[in-house]
Amino acid sequence: MGGQDGFRTLIREIVLAIGMISILVVALWVHTGSMPPLVVVESNSMQHDPNGEVGTIDAGDLVLVHSPDKTIVTFAEATDKNSASYGYESLGMEGDVIIFEKNGEKESTPIIHRALFKANIGSSVDAVDSRCTEGTFWMDICILTWTVPGTDQVGVEKINITFDGERAGKYRCGGIAAQHGKIWFTVENYTPSNPGYITLGDNNDCNDDQSVFEFAQGLSSIHSGIIRPVEEKWVIGISGAELPWLGTVKLFVSGGNSPGVSQVPASSFGYLIMVIIGIISTPMLLDPIFTRILKNSPEIIEAKKEEIAGKIYSSEEE
């Protein structure tokens, strides 16, 4: 009987654990409107501090993924005093951090970077036989001019912006290599291949993903070279709050092209161990407290009195 009771207890505990995890996942799905509701950050491209920082994105963090149906606020809009989104911040800086597929390729590892600005269509004409005599061909139209919300670029043939606080918000470059010695992020004579978001990792020293200036390296997709401005349909989600350190567990067993734990801040391992110890020890510490509370509850005391009275009554009958 003892073995059967132990087996039943084990099955019950497993079922309860699965149920609790399922409830948590469903609750996160309802909250974020996205499935899966969490992603693990693999690289340090968004890291603000070499030692890691709670409130920003470090390698090994879990990040909530909100539905892309929400309006995406770019850095340019969040730093424009005339914008309704002025002052909006997310994960340590102005503007939203988006999760997107490189050029829409689902087999590529998604990127988690900040939406710096968005290139919108200013004016266009219909293409003739899928060809343009002027402008940029895209989706059967010829884009003649571009507009960038949050900046002074309205109806321009080529985008020229210096994020120095005058024509656009301030975005200081952390290094000189990416921007060939310039202090502020600069877009020079850039003609987008399509409308979409220009993205940049907070820790990438102004080396943006789409290579909007001459010396930028950019990011490459698997099949189609340097990634293009991020179209709305390529956006998987918008990053919400981070759960620090917990994703490090997954990175320990990651294979393929994953960098594993190589880019996780050293301090994160210590914090992760502390969290694990806390999770394991909390039930052990709380169990005697709850047991004492239950023993002293009026219901338990009354039940014991009834049990004693029952034994006395039973002995008297004998």
C-alpha atoms as a PDB file:
ATOM      1  CA  MET A   1       0.000   0.000   0.000  1.00  0.00           C
ATOM      2  CA  GLY A   2       2.861   2.367   0.880  1.00  0.00           C
ATOM      3  CA  GLY A   3       4.371   2.010  -2.603  1.00  0.00           C
ATOM      4  CA  GLN A   4       1.029   2.703  -4.277  1.00  0.00           C
ATOM      5  CA  ASP A   5       0.437   5.757  -2.083  1.00  0.00           C
ATOM      6  CA  GLY A   6       3.883   7.100  -2.963  1.00  0.00           C
ATOM      7  CA  PHE A   7       3.259   6.565  -6.673  1.00  0.00           C
ATOM      8  CA  ARG A   8      -0.134   8.283  -6.477  1.00  0.00           C
ATOM      9  CA  THR A   9       1.431  11.225  -4.627  1.00  0.00           C
ATOM     10  CA  LEU A  10       4.131  11.538  -7.318  1.00  0.00           C
ATOM     11  CA  ILE A  11       1.536  11.503 -10.112  1.00  0.00           C
ATOM     12  CA  ARG A  12      -0.548  14.089  -8.267  1.00  0.00           C
ATOM     13  CA  GLU A  13       2.464  16.384  -7.815  1.00  0.00           C
ATOM     14  CA  ILE A  14       3.385  16.068 -11.506  1.00  0.00           C
ATOM     15  CA  VAL A  15      -0.179  16.843 -12.593  1.00  0.00           C
ATOM     16  CA  LEU A  16      -0.294  19.851 -10.257  1.00  0.00           C
ATOM     17  CA  ALA A  17       3.052  21.126 -11.581  1.00  0.00           C
ATOM     18  CA  ILE A  18       1.919  20.773 -15.201  1.00  0.00           C
ATOM     19  CA  GLY A  19      -1.364  22.486 -14.343  1.00  0.00           C
ATOM     20  CA  MET A  20       0.379  25.406 -12.664  1.00  0.00           C
ATOM     21  CA  ILE A  21       2.773  25.847 -15.589  1.00  0.00           C
ATOM     22  CA  SER A  22      -0.131  25.694 -18.046  1.00  0.00           C
ATOM     23  CA  ILE A  23      -2.063  28.324 -16.076  1.00  0.00           C
ATOM     24  CA  LEU A  24       1.029  30.559 -16.023  1.00  0.00           C
ATOM     25  CA  VAL A  25       1.569  30.225 -19.788  1.00  0.00           C
ATOM     26  CA  VAL A  26      -2.103  30.924 -20.535  1.00  0.00           C
ATOM     27  CA  ALA A  27      -2.054  33.938 -18.188  1.00  0.00           C
ATOM     28  CA  LEU A  28       1.039  35.324 -19.955  1.00  0.00           C
ATOM     29  CA  TRP A  29      -0.593  34.690 -23.329  1.00  0.00           C
ATOM     30  CA  VAL A  30      -3.709  36.613 -22.241  1.00  0.00           C
ATOM     31  CA  HIS A  31      -1.528  39.435 -20.887  1.00  0.00           C
ATOM     32  CA  THR A  32       0.754  39.768 -23.930  1.00  0.00           C
ATOM     33  CA  GLY A  33      -1.560  38.594 -26.718  1.00  0.00           C
ATOM     34  CA  SER A  34       1.362  36.627 -28.144  1.00  0.00           C
ATOM     35  CA  MET A  35       2.385  32.964 -28.256  1.00  0.00           C
ATOM     36  CA  PRO A  36       4.977  32.105 -27.155  1.00  0.00           C
ATOM     37  CA  PRO A  37       4.729  34.900 -24.586  1.00  0.00           C
ATOM     38  CA  LEU A  38       8.428  34.738 -23.658  1.00  0.00           C
ATOM     39  CA  VAL A  39      11.715  34.645 -25.593  1.00  0.00           C
ATOM     40  CA  VAL A  40      15.286  34.085 -24.432  1.00  0.00           C
ATOM     41  CA  VAL A  41      17.863  36.759 -25.309  1.00  0.00           C
ATOM     42  CA  GLU A  42      21.005  35.105 -26.707  1.00  0.00           C
ATOM     43  CA  SER A  43      23.347  38.025 -27.501  1.00  0.00           C
ATOM     44  CA  ASN A  44      24.624  41.116 -25.698  1.00  0.00           C
ATOM     45  CA  SER A  45      23.668  43.498 -28.528  1.00  0.00           C
ATOM     46  CA  MET A  46      21.136  45.272 -26.266  1.00  0.00           C
ATOM     47  CA  GLN A  47      23.286  45.287 -23.119  1.00  0.00           C
ATOM     48  CA  HIS A  48      23.750  48.680 -21.406  1.00  0.00           C
ATOM     49  CA  ASP A  49      26.239  47.714 -18.697  1.00  0.00           C
ATOM     50  CA  PRO A  50      29.112  45.163 -18.935  1.00  0.00           C
ATOM     51  CA  ASN A  51      27.982  43.692 -15.607  1.00  0.00           C
ATOM     52  CA  GLY A  52      24.339  43.512 -16.624  1.00  0.00           C
ATOM     53  CA  GLU A  53      21.508  45.726 -15.482  1.00  0.00           C
ATOM     54  CA  VAL A  54      17.970  44.998 -14.346  1.00  0.00           C
ATOM     55  CA  GLY A  55      15.513  46.954 -16.485  1.00  0.00           C
ATOM     56  CA  THR A  56      17.493  46.565 -19.707  1.00  0.00           C
ATOM     57  CA  ILE A  57      18.050  43.534 -21.925  1.00  0.00           C
ATOM     58  CA  ASP A  58      21.065  41.307 -21.238  1.00  0.00           C
ATOM     59  CA  ALA A  59      21.970  37.935 -22.695  1.00  0.00           C
ATOM     60  CA  GLY A  60      20.281  35.259 -20.602  1.00  0.00           C
ATOM     61  CA  ASP A  61      17.192  37.345 -19.827  1.00  0.00           C
ATOM     62  CA  LEU A  62      13.640  36.270 -20.578  1.00  0.00           C
ATOM     63  CA  VAL A  63      11.599  38.962 -22.323  1.00  0.00           C
ATOM     64  CA  LEU A  64       7.805  39.192 -22.490  1.00  0.00           C
ATOM     65  CA  VAL A  65       6.570  39.371 -26.090  1.00  0.00           C
ATOM     66  CA  HIS A  66       3.547  41.599 -26.673  1.00  0.00           C
ATOM     67  CA  SER A  67       1.364  41.331 -29.759  1.00  0.00           C
ATOM     68  CA  PRO A  68       2.619  43.388 -32.744  1.00  0.00           C
ATOM     69  CA  ASP A  69      -0.919  44.777 -33.078  1.00  0.00           C
ATOM     70  CA  LYS A  70       0.174  47.497 -30.637  1.00  0.00           C
ATOM     71  CA  THR A  71       1.413  50.696 -32.293  1.00  0.00           C
ATOM     72  CA  ILE A  72       5.214  50.685 -32.390  1.00  0.00           C
ATOM     73  CA  VAL A  73       6.853  53.858 -31.094  1.00  0.00           C
ATOM     74  CA  THR A  74      10.261  54.595 -32.622  1.00  0.00           C
ATOM     75  CA  PHE A  75      13.179  56.308 -30.913  1.00  0.00           C
ATOM     76  CA  ALA A  76      12.737  59.270 -33.278  1.00  0.00           C
ATOM     77  CA  GLU A  77       9.093  59.727 -32.241  1.00  0.00           C
ATOM     78  CA  ALA A  78       9.791  59.237 -28.522  1.00  0.00           C
ATOM     79  CA  THR A  79      12.462  61.983 -28.614  1.00  0.00           C
ATOM     80  CA  ASP A  80      10.430  64.451 -30.697  1.00  0.00           C
ATOM     81  CA  LYS A  81       8.888  67.131 -28.471  1.00  0.00           C
ATOM     82  CA  ASN A  82       6.074  67.612 -30.992  1.00  0.00           C
ATOM     83  CA  SER A  83       5.100  63.948 -30.958  1.00  0.00           C
ATOM     84  CA  ALA A  84       2.276  62.491 -28.868  1.00  0.00           C
ATOM     85  CA  SER A  85       4.745  59.737 -27.895  1.00  0.00           C
ATOM     86  CA  TYR A  86       7.383  62.141 -26.568  1.00  0.00           C
ATOM     87  CA  GLY A  87       9.139  60.752 -23.486  1.00  0.00           C
ATOM     88  CA  TYR A  88       8.004  57.163 -24.016  1.00  0.00           C
ATOM     89  CA  GLU A  89      10.662  54.692 -22.813  1.00  0.00           C
ATOM     90  CA  SER A  90      11.068  50.947 -22.911  1.00  0.00           C
ATOM     91  CA  LEU A  91      13.862  48.807 -21.469  1.00  0.00           C
ATOM     92  CA  GLY A  92      16.293  51.577 -20.689  1.00  0.00           C
ATOM     93  CA  MET A  93      15.849  53.965 -23.632  1.00  0.00           C
ATOM     94  CA  GLU A  94      13.286  55.852 -25.689  1.00  0.00           C
ATOM     95  CA  GLY A  95      11.236  53.891 -28.198  1.00  0.00           C
ATOM     96  CA  ASP A  96      10.074  50.289 -28.502  1.00  0.00           C
ATOM     97  CA  VAL A  97      12.247  47.213 -28.802  1.00  0.00           C
ATOM     98  CA  ILE A  98      10.850  44.917 -31.496  1.00  0.00           C
ATOM     99  CA  ILE A  99      11.359  41.242 -32.271  1.00  0.00           C
ATOM    100  CA  PHE A 100      11.489  40.580 -35.999  1.00  0.00           C
ATOM    101  CA  GLU A 101      12.440  38.114 -38.714  1.00  0.00           C
ATOM    102  CA  LYS A 102      15.364  39.042 -40.967  1.00  0.00           C
ATOM    103  CA  ASN A 103      13.788  39.944 -44.322  1.00  0.00           C
ATOM    104  CA  GLY A 104      10.809  37.823 -43.320  1.00  0.00           C
ATOM    105  CA  GLU A 105      12.867  34.597 -43.317  1.00  0.00           C
ATOM    106  CA  LYS A 106      11.327  32.321 -40.707  1.00  0.00           C
ATOM    107  CA  GLU A 107      14.364  30.032 -40.609  1.00  0.00           C
ATOM    108  CA  SER A 108      16.595  32.902 -39.434  1.00  0.00           C
ATOM    109  CA  THR A 109      17.072  33.541 -35.719  1.00  0.00           C
ATOM    110  CA  PRO A 110      14.786  36.497 -34.813  1.00  0.00           C
ATOM    111  CA  ILE A 111      16.427  39.782 -33.825  1.00  0.00           C
ATOM    112  CA  ILE A 112      15.545  41.810 -30.707  1.00  0.00           C
ATOM    113  CA  HIS A 113      16.567  45.430 -31.393  1.00  0.00           C
ATOM    114  CA  ARG A 114      15.220  48.933 -30.889  1.00  0.00           C
ATOM    115  CA  ALA A 115      13.141  50.612 -33.618  1.00  0.00           C
ATOM    116  CA  LEU A 116      15.224  53.734 -34.273  1.00  0.00           C
ATOM    117  CA  PHE A 117      13.062  55.339 -36.947  1.00  0.00           C
ATOM    118  CA  LYS A 118      10.554  54.392 -39.610  1.00  0.00           C
ATOM    119  CA  ALA A 119      10.751  55.205 -43.306  1.00  0.00           C
ATOM    120  CA  ASN A 120       7.215  55.840 -44.587  1.00  0.00           C
ATOM    121  CA  ILE A 121       6.126  56.405 -48.163  1.00  0.00           C
ATOM    122  CA  GLY A 122       5.870  60.124 -48.909  1.00  0.00           C
ATOM    123  CA  SER A 123       4.624  60.060 -52.504  1.00  0.00           C
ATOM    124  CA  SER A 124       4.451  57.361 -55.156  1.00  0.00           C
ATOM    125  CA  VAL A 125       3.162  56.491 -58.629  1.00  0.00           C
ATOM    126  CA  ASP A 126       2.068  53.193 -60.129  1.00  0.00           C
ATOM    127  CA  ALA A 127       4.810  51.108 -61.706  1.00  0.00           C
ATOM    128  CA  VAL A 128       4.602  50.212 -65.405  1.00  0.00           C
ATOM    129  CA  ASP A 129       5.265  46.533 -66.134  1.00  0.00           C
ATOM    130  CA  SER A 130       6.900  46.224 -62.704  1.00  0.00           C
ATOM    131  CA  ARG A 131       9.449  48.878 -63.637  1.00  0.00           C
ATOM    132  CA  CYS A 132      10.165  52.429 -62.491  1.00  0.00           C
ATOM    133  CA  THR A 133      11.720  55.212 -64.526  1.00  0.00           C
ATOM    134  CA  GLU A 134      12.275  57.055 -61.253  1.00  0.00           C
ATOM    135  CA  GLY A 135      12.027  56.275 -57.577  1.00  0.00           C
ATOM    136  CA  THR A 136      12.176  52.896 -55.792  1.00  0.00           C
ATOM    137  CA  PHE A 137      10.110  49.938 -56.997  1.00  0.00           C
ATOM    138  CA  TRP A 138       8.111  48.210 -54.276  1.00  0.00           C
ATOM    139  CA  MET A 139       4.850  46.255 -54.406  1.00  0.00           C
ATOM    140  CA  ASP A 140       3.826  47.480 -57.906  1.00  0.00           C
ATOM    141  CA  ILE A 141       4.477  51.139 -57.102  1.00  0.00           C
ATOM    142  CA  CYS A 142       7.375  53.558 -57.533  1.00  0.00           C
ATOM    143  CA  ILE A 143       8.202  55.366 -54.288  1.00  0.00           C
ATOM    144  CA  LEU A 144       9.310  58.898 -55.125  1.00  0.00           C
ATOM    145  CA  THR A 145       9.742  60.462 -51.673  1.00  0.00           C
ATOM    146  CA  TRP A 146      10.041  59.396 -48.048  1.00  0.00           C
ATOM    147  CA  THR A 147       8.824  60.706 -44.703  1.00  0.00           C
ATOM    148  CA  VAL A 148      10.324  59.877 -41.299  1.00  0.00           C
ATOM    149  CA  PRO A 149       8.006  60.538 -38.308  1.00  0.00           C
ATOM    150  CA  GLY A 150       9.704  62.359 -35.454  1.00  0.00           C
ATOM    151  CA  THR A 151      12.209  64.158 -37.697  1.00  0.00           C
ATOM    152  CA  ASP A 152      12.297  66.982 -40.245  1.00  0.00           C
ATOM    153  CA  GLN A 153      12.445  64.501 -43.132  1.00  0.00           C
ATOM    154  CA  VAL A 154       9.118  65.014 -44.904  1.00  0.00           C
ATOM    155  CA  GLY A 155       8.721  64.234 -48.608  1.00  0.00           C
ATOM    156  CA  VAL A 156      12.458  63.806 -49.279  1.00  0.00           C
ATOM    157  CA  GLU A 157      14.053  61.771 -52.089  1.00  0.00           C
ATOM    158  CA  LYS A 158      16.930  60.667 -49.837  1.00  0.00           C
ATOM    159  CA  ILE A 159      16.961  60.507 -46.040  1.00  0.00           C
ATOM    160  CA  ASN A 160      19.530  62.663 -44.236  1.00  0.00           C
ATOM    161  CA  ILE A 161      19.299  62.832 -40.448  1.00  0.00           C
ATOM    162  CA  THR A 162      21.738  63.623 -37.667  1.00  0.00           C
ATOM    163  CA  PHE A 163      20.424  62.515 -34.283  1.00  0.00           C
ATOM    164  CA  ASP A 164      22.022  65.424 -32.418  1.00  0.00           C
ATOM    165  CA  GLY A 165      18.952  66.943 -30.748  1.00  0.00           C
ATOM    166  CA  GLU A 166      18.313  69.523 -33.460  1.00  0.00           C
ATOM    167  CA  ARG A 167      16.803  67.784 -36.491  1.00  0.00           C
ATOM    168  CA  ALA A 168      16.037  64.648 -34.458  1.00  0.00           C
ATOM    169  CA  GLY A 169      16.486  63.362 -30.910  1.00  0.00           C
ATOM    170  CA  LYS A 170      19.933  62.763 -29.458  1.00  0.00           C
ATOM    171  CA  TYR A 171      21.502  59.355 -30.117  1.00  0.00           C
ATOM    172  CA  ARG A 172      25.145  59.369 -29.089  1.00  0.00           C
ATOM    173  CA  CYS A 173      27.474  56.728 -30.509  1.00  0.00           C
ATOM    174  CA  GLY A 174      29.434  54.786 -27.934  1.00  0.00           C
ATOM    175  CA  GLY A 175      32.406  54.245 -30.244  1.00  0.00           C
ATOM    176  CA  ILE A 176      33.973  55.917 -33.282  1.00  0.00           C
ATOM    177  CA  ALA A 177      34.468  52.933 -35.595  1.00  0.00           C
ATOM    178  CA  ALA A 178      30.878  52.454 -36.668  1.00  0.00           C
ATOM    179  CA  GLN A 179      30.235  56.091 -37.539  1.00  0.00           C
ATOM    180  CA  HIS A 180      33.735  56.918 -38.902  1.00  0.00           C
ATOM    181  CA  GLY A 181      34.453  59.318 -36.048  1.00  0.00           C
ATOM    182  CA  LYS A 182      31.041  60.966 -35.695  1.00  0.00           C
ATOM    183  CA  ILE A 183      29.590  61.570 -32.251  1.00  0.00           C
ATOM    184  CA  TRP A 184      25.902  61.282 -33.222  1.00  0.00           C
ATOM    185  CA  PHE A 185      24.093  58.587 -35.196  1.00  0.00           C
ATOM    186  CA  THR A 186      23.877  59.898 -38.755  1.00  0.00           C
ATOM    187  CA  VAL A 187      21.914  58.850 -41.826  1.00  0.00           C
ATOM    188  CA  GLU A 188      23.519  60.036 -45.053  1.00  0.00           C
ATOM    189  CA  ASN A 189      21.806  60.081 -48.467  1.00  0.00           C
ATOM    190  CA  TYR A 190      19.919  56.909 -47.668  1.00  0.00           C
ATOM    191  CA  THR A 191      17.292  55.521 -50.042  1.00  0.00           C
ATOM    192  CA  PRO A 192      15.358  52.651 -48.407  1.00  0.00           C
ATOM    193  CA  SER A 193      14.632  49.556 -50.465  1.00  0.00           C
ATOM    194  CA  ASN A 194      11.129  49.473 -48.947  1.00  0.00           C
ATOM    195  CA  PRO A 195       9.125  51.209 -46.215  1.00  0.00           C
ATOM    196  CA  GLY A 196       9.837  49.902 -42.720  1.00  0.00           C
ATOM    197  CA  TYR A 197      11.732  50.275 -39.476  1.00  0.00           C
ATOM    198  CA  ILE A 198      15.455  50.958 -39.168  1.00  0.00           C
ATOM    199  CA  THR A 199      16.696  49.042 -36.139  1.00  0.00           C
ATOM    200  CA  LEU A 200      19.740  49.166 -33.917  1.00  0.00           C
ATOM    201  CA  GLY A 201      21.065  47.284 -30.901  1.00  0.00           C
ATOM    202  CA  ASP A 202      21.622  49.549 -27.899  1.00  0.00           C
ATOM    203  CA  ASN A 203      25.124  48.073 -27.486  1.00  0.00           C
ATOM    204  CA  ASN A 204      26.148  48.194 -31.164  1.00  0.00           C
ATOM    205  CA  ASP A 205      27.878  51.597 -31.252  1.00  0.00           C
ATOM    206  CA  CYS A 206      25.558  53.020 -33.925  1.00  0.00           C
ATOM    207  CA  ASN A 207      26.232  50.118 -36.317  1.00  0.00           C
ATOM    208  CA  ASP A 208      22.605  49.759 -37.416  1.00  0.00           C
ATOM    209  CA  ASP A 209      21.105  46.583 -38.847  1.00  0.00           C
ATOM    210  CA  GLN A 210      20.186  47.968 -42.279  1.00  0.00           C
ATOM    211  CA  SER A 211      23.514  49.690 -43.043  1.00  0.00           C
ATOM    212  CA  VAL A 212      22.110  53.179 -43.626  1.00  0.00           C
ATOM    213  CA  PHE A 213      25.515  54.828 -44.011  1.00  0.00           C
ATOM    214  CA  GLU A 214      28.646  54.042 -45.992  1.00  0.00           C
ATOM    215  CA  PHE A 215      30.742  52.199 -43.410  1.00  0.00           C
ATOM    216  CA  ALA A 216      28.032  50.338 -41.496  1.00  0.00           C
ATOM    217  CA  GLN A 217      28.351  46.548 -41.453  1.00  0.00           C
ATOM    218  CA  GLY A 218      24.657  45.770 -41.008  1.00  0.00           C
ATOM    219  CA  LEU A 219      23.177  42.322 -40.367  1.00  0.00           C
ATOM    220  CA  SER A 220      22.754  39.590 -42.969  1.00  0.00           C
ATOM    221  CA  SER A 221      19.898  37.157 -43.460  1.00  0.00           C
ATOM    222  CA  ILE A 222      20.390  33.556 -44.528  1.00  0.00           C
ATOM    223  CA  HIS A 223      19.273  33.933 -48.145  1.00  0.00           C
ATOM    224  CA  SER A 224      18.972  37.599 -49.068  1.00  0.00           C
ATOM    225  CA  GLY A 225      21.999  39.506 -47.791  1.00  0.00           C
ATOM    226  CA  ILE A 226      21.841  42.679 -45.681  1.00  0.00           C
ATOM    227  CA  ILE A 227      18.487  42.941 -43.975  1.00  0.00           C
ATOM    228  CA  ARG A 228      16.121  45.546 -45.322  1.00  0.00           C
ATOM    229  CA  PRO A 229      13.918  47.986 -43.374  1.00  0.00           C
ATOM    230  CA  VAL A 230      11.654  45.861 -41.206  1.00  0.00           C
ATOM    231  CA  GLU A 231       8.185  45.557 -42.699  1.00  0.00           C
ATOM    232  CA  GLU A 232       5.196  45.354 -40.356  1.00  0.00           C
ATOM    233  CA  LYS A 233       4.523  41.737 -41.342  1.00  0.00           C
ATOM    234  CA  TRP A 234       8.027  40.693 -40.258  1.00  0.00           C
ATOM    235  CA  VAL A 235       7.495  41.943 -36.697  1.00  0.00           C
ATOM    236  CA  ILE A 236       6.881  38.988 -34.385  1.00  0.00           C
ATOM    237  CA  GLY A 237       6.221  41.081 -31.300  1.00  0.00           C
ATOM    238  CA  ILE A 238       7.110  44.052 -29.137  1.00  0.00           C
ATOM    239  CA  SER A 239       9.355  43.491 -26.137  1.00  0.00           C
ATOM    240  CA  GLY A 240       7.779  44.036 -22.755  1.00  0.00           C
ATOM    241  CA  ALA A 241       9.270  43.597 -19.297  1.00  0.00           C
ATOM    242  CA  GLU A 242      12.327  41.433 -18.799  1.00  0.00           C
ATOM    243  CA  LEU A 243      12.721  38.546 -16.358  1.00  0.00           C
ATOM    244  CA  PRO A 244      16.449  38.736 -15.594  1.00  0.00           C
ATOM    245  CA  TRP A 245      18.823  35.751 -15.615  1.00  0.00           C
ATOM    246  CA  LEU A 246      16.208  32.970 -15.966  1.00  0.00           C
ATOM    247  CA  GLY A 247      16.865  32.365 -19.685  1.00  0.00           C
ATOM    248  CA  THR A 248      20.463  31.433 -18.896  1.00  0.00           C
ATOM    249  CA  VAL A 249      19.270  27.906 -18.078  1.00  0.00           C
ATOM    250  CA  LYS A 250      18.138  27.399 -21.691  1.00  0.00           C
ATOM    251  CA  LEU A 251      21.383  28.852 -23.082  1.00  0.00           C
ATOM    252  CA  PHE A 252      23.383  26.204 -21.216  1.00  0.00           C
ATOM    253  CA  VAL A 253      21.863  23.527 -23.468  1.00  0.00           C
ATOM    254  CA  SER A 254      21.537  25.570 -26.681  1.00  0.00           C
ATOM    255  CA  GLY A 255      23.185  24.210 -29.798  1.00  0.00           C
ATOM    256  CA  GLY A 256      23.456  25.164 -33.446  1.00  0.00           C
ATOM    257  CA  ASN A 257      24.396  28.788 -34.103  1.00  0.00           C
ATOM    258  CA  SER A 258      23.537  29.938 -30.596  1.00  0.00           C
ATOM    259  CA  PRO A 259      26.393  31.647 -28.696  1.00  0.00           C
ATOM    260  CA  GLY A 260      25.270  29.741 -25.604  1.00  0.00           C
ATOM    261  CA  VAL A 261      26.253  31.448 -22.358  1.00  0.00           C
ATOM    262  CA  SER A 262      29.366  33.108 -23.811  1.00  0.00           C
ATOM    263  CA  GLN A 263      27.753  36.577 -23.827  1.00  0.00           C
ATOM    264  CA  VAL A 264      25.882  36.299 -20.524  1.00  0.00           C
ATOM    265  CA  PRO A 265      27.254  38.809 -17.935  1.00  0.00           C
ATOM    266  CA  ALA A 266      29.306  37.057 -15.243  1.00  0.00           C
ATOM    267  CA  SER A 267      27.100  38.474 -12.475  1.00  0.00           C
ATOM    268  CA  SER A 268      24.025  36.785 -13.978  1.00  0.00           C
ATOM    269  CA  PHE A 269      25.285  33.317 -12.995  1.00  0.00           C
ATOM    270  CA  GLY A 270      25.506  34.317  -9.338  1.00  0.00           C
ATOM    271  CA  TYR A 271      22.045  35.883  -9.387  1.00  0.00           C
ATOM    272  CA  LEU A 272      20.622  32.815 -11.134  1.00  0.00           C
ATOM    273  CA  ILE A 273      22.036  30.521  -8.428  1.00  0.00           C
ATOM    274  CA  MET A 274      20.507  32.767  -5.764  1.00  0.00           C
ATOM    275  CA  VAL A 275      17.108  32.627  -7.507  1.00  0.00           C
ATOM    276  CA  ILE A 276      17.251  28.814  -7.761  1.00  0.00           C
ATOM    277  CA  ILE A 277      18.203  28.504  -4.076  1.00  0.00           C
ATOM    278  CA  GLY A 278      15.366  30.878  -3.209  1.00  0.00           C
ATOM    279  CA  ILE A 279      12.831  28.865  -5.207  1.00  0.00           C
ATOM    280  CA  ILE A 280      13.923  25.601  -3.585  1.00  0.00           C
ATOM    281  CA  SER A 281      14.188  26.932  -0.027  1.00  0.00           C
ATOM    282  CA  THR A 282      11.025  29.069   0.055  1.00  0.00           C
ATOM    283  CA  PRO A 283       8.568  26.116   0.338  1.00  0.00           C
ATOM    284  CA  MET A 284      10.792  24.541   3.030  1.00  0.00           C
ATOM    285  CA  LEU A 285      10.777  27.772   5.040  1.00  0.00           C
ATOM    286  CA  LEU A 286       7.082  28.462   4.585  1.00  0.00           C
ATOM    287  CA  ASP A 287       5.866  24.913   5.328  1.00  0.00           C
ATOM    288  CA  PRO A 288       6.379  25.013   9.139  1.00  0.00           C
ATOM    289  CA  ILE A 289       4.861  28.497   9.303  1.00  0.00           C
ATOM    290  CA  PHE A 290       1.710  27.425   7.458  1.00  0.00           C
ATOM    291  CA  THR A 291       1.570  24.200   9.491  1.00  0.00           C
ATOM    292  CA  ARG A 292       1.670  26.204  12.740  1.00  0.00           C
ATOM    293  CA  ILE A 293      -1.003  28.591  11.472  1.00  0.00           C
ATOM    294  CA  LEU A 294      -3.260  25.709  10.458  1.00  0.00           C
ATOM    295  CA  LYS A 295      -2.789  23.938  13.796  1.00  0.00           C
ATOM    296  CA  ASN A 296      -3.877  27.066  15.643  1.00  0.00           C
ATOM    297  CA  SER A 297      -6.822  27.837  13.399  1.00  0.00           C
ATOM    298  CA  PRO A 298     -10.307  27.678  15.046  1.00  0.00           C
ATOM    299  CA  GLU A 299     -11.439  24.995  12.612  1.00  0.00           C
ATOM    300  CA  ILE A 300      -8.560  22.651  13.461  1.00  0.00           C
ATOM    301  CA  ILE A 301      -8.965  23.261  17.204  1.00  0.00           C
ATOM    302  CA  GLU A 302     -12.686  22.520  16.997  1.00  0.00           C
ATOM    303  CA  ALA A 303     -12.006  19.359  14.965  1.00  0.00           C
ATOM    304  CA  LYS A 304      -9.561  18.145  17.611  1.00  0.00           C
ATOM    305  CA  LYS A 305     -12.130  18.798  20.355  1.00  0.00           C
ATOM    306  CA  GLU A 306     -14.725  16.814  18.438  1.00  0.00           C
ATOM    307  CA  GLU A 307     -12.222  13.998  17.916  1.00  0.00           C
ATOM    308  CA  ILE A 308     -11.418  13.866  21.629  1.00  0.00           C
ATOM    309  CA  ALA A 309     -15.105  14.001  22.548  1.00  0.00           C
ATOM    310  CA  GLY A 310     -15.793  11.184  20.135  1.00  0.00           C
ATOM    311  CA  LYS A 311     -13.112   9.001  21.681  1.00  0.00           C
ATOM    312  CA  ILE A 312     -14.463   9.668  25.185  1.00  0.00           C
ATOM    313  CA  TYR A 313     -18.002   8.853  24.070  1.00  0.00           C
ATOM    314  CA  SER A 314     -16.804   5.673  22.361  1.00  0.00           C
ATOM    315  CA  SER A 315     -14.900   4.515  25.468  1.00  0.00           C
ATOM    316  CA  GLU A 316     -17.941   5.143  27.695  1.00  0.00           C
ATOM    317  CA  GLU A 317     -20.129   2.989  25.482  1.00  0.00           C
ATOM    318  CA  GLU A 318     -17.653   0.131  25.775  1.00  0.00           C
END
